[in-house]
């Protein structure tokens, strides 16, 4: 779906930063941090994720990292979610980020509860 989005919107992929089998709950992912650092070089204008919860599942980390990217002229784009550039897009993005963080916390609670009551 990533490349379909790229081709449809006439973008060019100049590299990939993939953190396999790592949770988006934290921003200490090696490739994620490399991507944030690479934005300082001003060699790309956008970061494409499948959906926003692949960028971050923590609203605080998301805001900090997006602010760094924005300072460097880089936008975060979602291949799956249509988020407009107007005021309503800010609201939609905030709701999606909140839902991703909620899901992450709720899933952790369920796993913990399942491990505790399995004995």
Protein backbone atom coordinates (compact mmCIF):
# COMPACT_ATOMS: atom_id res chain seq x y z
CA UNK A 1 0.00 0.00 0.00
CA UNK A 2 2.94 2.35 0.67
CA UNK A 3 4.14 2.26 -2.92
CA UNK A 4 0.62 2.53 -4.30
CA UNK A 5 0.23 5.75 -2.28
CA UNK A 6 3.62 6.98 -3.46
CA UNK A 7 2.83 6.30 -7.11
CA UNK A 8 -0.69 7.73 -6.92
CA UNK A 9 0.59 10.96 -5.37
CA UNK A 10 3.68 11.19 -7.60
CA UNK A 11 6.18 11.03 -4.72
CA UNK A 12 9.70 9.65 -4.87
CA UNK A 13 11.03 7.28 -2.20
CA UNK A 14 14.60 8.16 -1.29
CA UNK A 15 15.02 5.70 1.58
CA UNK A 16 13.32 3.58 4.18
CA UNK A 17 13.60 3.42 7.94
CA UNK A 18 12.07 0.19 9.18
CA UNK A 19 11.97 -0.88 12.82
CA UNK A 20 10.86 -4.48 12.56
CA UNK A 21 9.22 -6.15 15.56
CA UNK A 22 9.46 -3.04 17.72
CA UNK A 23 6.55 -1.34 19.39
CA UNK A 24 5.53 2.15 18.39
CA UNK A 25 4.87 2.74 22.07
CA UNK A 26 8.34 4.23 22.53
CA UNK A 27 10.44 6.51 20.35
CA UNK A 28 13.78 4.85 21.20
CA UNK A 29 13.65 2.72 18.04
CA UNK A 30 16.99 2.83 16.20
CA UNK A 31 15.68 3.46 12.68
CA UNK A 32 13.04 5.87 13.95
CA UNK A 33 15.69 8.00 15.65
CA UNK A 34 17.89 7.81 12.56
CA UNK A 35 14.97 9.11 10.48
CA UNK A 36 14.41 12.01 12.88
CA UNK A 37 18.15 12.82 12.76
CA UNK A 38 18.21 12.54 8.96
CA UNK A 39 15.54 15.22 8.74
CA UNK A 40 18.22 17.70 9.88
CA UNK A 41 19.93 17.14 6.51
CA UNK A 42 16.87 18.48 4.65
CA UNK A 43 17.04 15.73 2.01
CA UNK A 44 13.38 14.74 2.24
CA UNK A 45 10.08 16.54 2.64
CA UNK A 46 7.85 13.78 3.99
CA UNK A 47 7.73 10.64 6.05
CA UNK A 48 5.19 8.10 4.85
CA UNK A 49 3.74 5.62 7.32
CA UNK A 50 1.12 2.96 6.66
CA UNK A 51 -1.03 4.58 9.35
CA UNK A 52 -0.29 7.02 12.15
CA UNK A 53 0.01 4.38 14.87
CA UNK A 54 3.10 3.11 13.02
CA UNK A 55 4.75 6.47 13.74
CA UNK A 56 4.01 6.53 17.46
CA UNK A 57 1.56 5.18 20.00
CA UNK A 58 2.38 7.79 22.57
CA UNK A 59 0.94 11.27 22.02
CA UNK A 60 3.80 13.01 23.81
CA UNK A 61 6.51 11.30 21.75
CA UNK A 62 4.50 11.89 18.60
CA UNK A 63 4.18 15.62 19.29
CA UNK A 64 7.87 16.04 20.10
CA UNK A 65 9.05 14.08 17.06
CA UNK A 66 6.58 15.75 14.70
CA UNK A 67 7.72 19.15 15.98
CA UNK A 68 11.34 18.25 15.14
CA UNK A 69 10.30 17.07 11.68
CA UNK A 70 8.16 20.16 11.10
CA UNK A 71 11.09 22.40 12.08
CA UNK A 72 13.03 20.68 9.30
CA UNK A 73 10.23 21.07 6.77
CA UNK A 74 9.12 17.42 6.92
CA UNK A 75 5.47 16.27 7.00
CA UNK A 76 4.18 12.95 8.31
CA UNK A 77 1.85 11.31 5.79
CA UNK A 78 -0.43 8.33 6.32
CA UNK A 79 -1.07 5.96 3.40
CA UNK A 80 -4.21 4.54 4.98
CA UNK A 81 -5.77 7.58 6.65
CA UNK A 82 -6.88 10.66 4.74
CA UNK A 83 -5.98 13.62 6.91
CA UNK A 84 -6.53 17.07 5.46
CA UNK A 85 -4.16 19.99 5.88
CA UNK A 86 -6.85 22.25 7.30
CA UNK A 87 -8.08 22.74 10.88
CA UNK A 88 -10.20 19.58 10.80
CA UNK A 89 -7.07 17.56 9.98
CA UNK A 90 -5.54 18.65 13.29
CA UNK A 91 -8.59 17.31 15.11
CA UNK A 92 -8.66 14.01 13.16
CA UNK A 93 -4.95 13.46 13.70
CA UNK A 94 -5.30 14.11 17.43
CA UNK A 95 -8.18 11.65 17.71
CA UNK A 96 -6.27 8.97 15.78
CA UNK A 97 -3.20 9.45 17.98
CA UNK A 98 -5.32 9.27 21.13
CA UNK A 99 -6.97 6.08 19.91
CA UNK A 100 -3.57 4.51 19.16
CA UNK A 101 -2.31 5.33 22.66
CA UNK A 102 -5.54 4.05 24.21
CA UNK A 103 -5.27 0.78 22.26
CA UNK A 104 -1.66 0.32 23.34
CA UNK A 105 -2.43 0.88 27.03
CA UNK A 106 -5.57 -1.27 26.92
CA UNK A 107 -3.72 -4.13 25.19
CA UNK A 108 -0.94 -4.01 27.80
CA UNK A 109 -3.54 -4.20 30.57
CA UNK A 110 -5.24 -7.20 28.95
CA UNK A 111 -1.94 -9.01 28.49
CA UNK A 112 -0.94 -8.32 32.09
CA UNK A 113 -4.33 -9.45 33.34
CA UNK A 114 -4.13 -12.62 31.22
CA UNK A 115 -0.68 -13.46 32.53
CA UNK A 116 -1.76 -12.82 36.13
CA UNK A 117 -4.95 -14.89 36.03
CA UNK A 118 -3.52 -17.75 34.01
CA UNK A 119 -1.91 -19.34 37.07
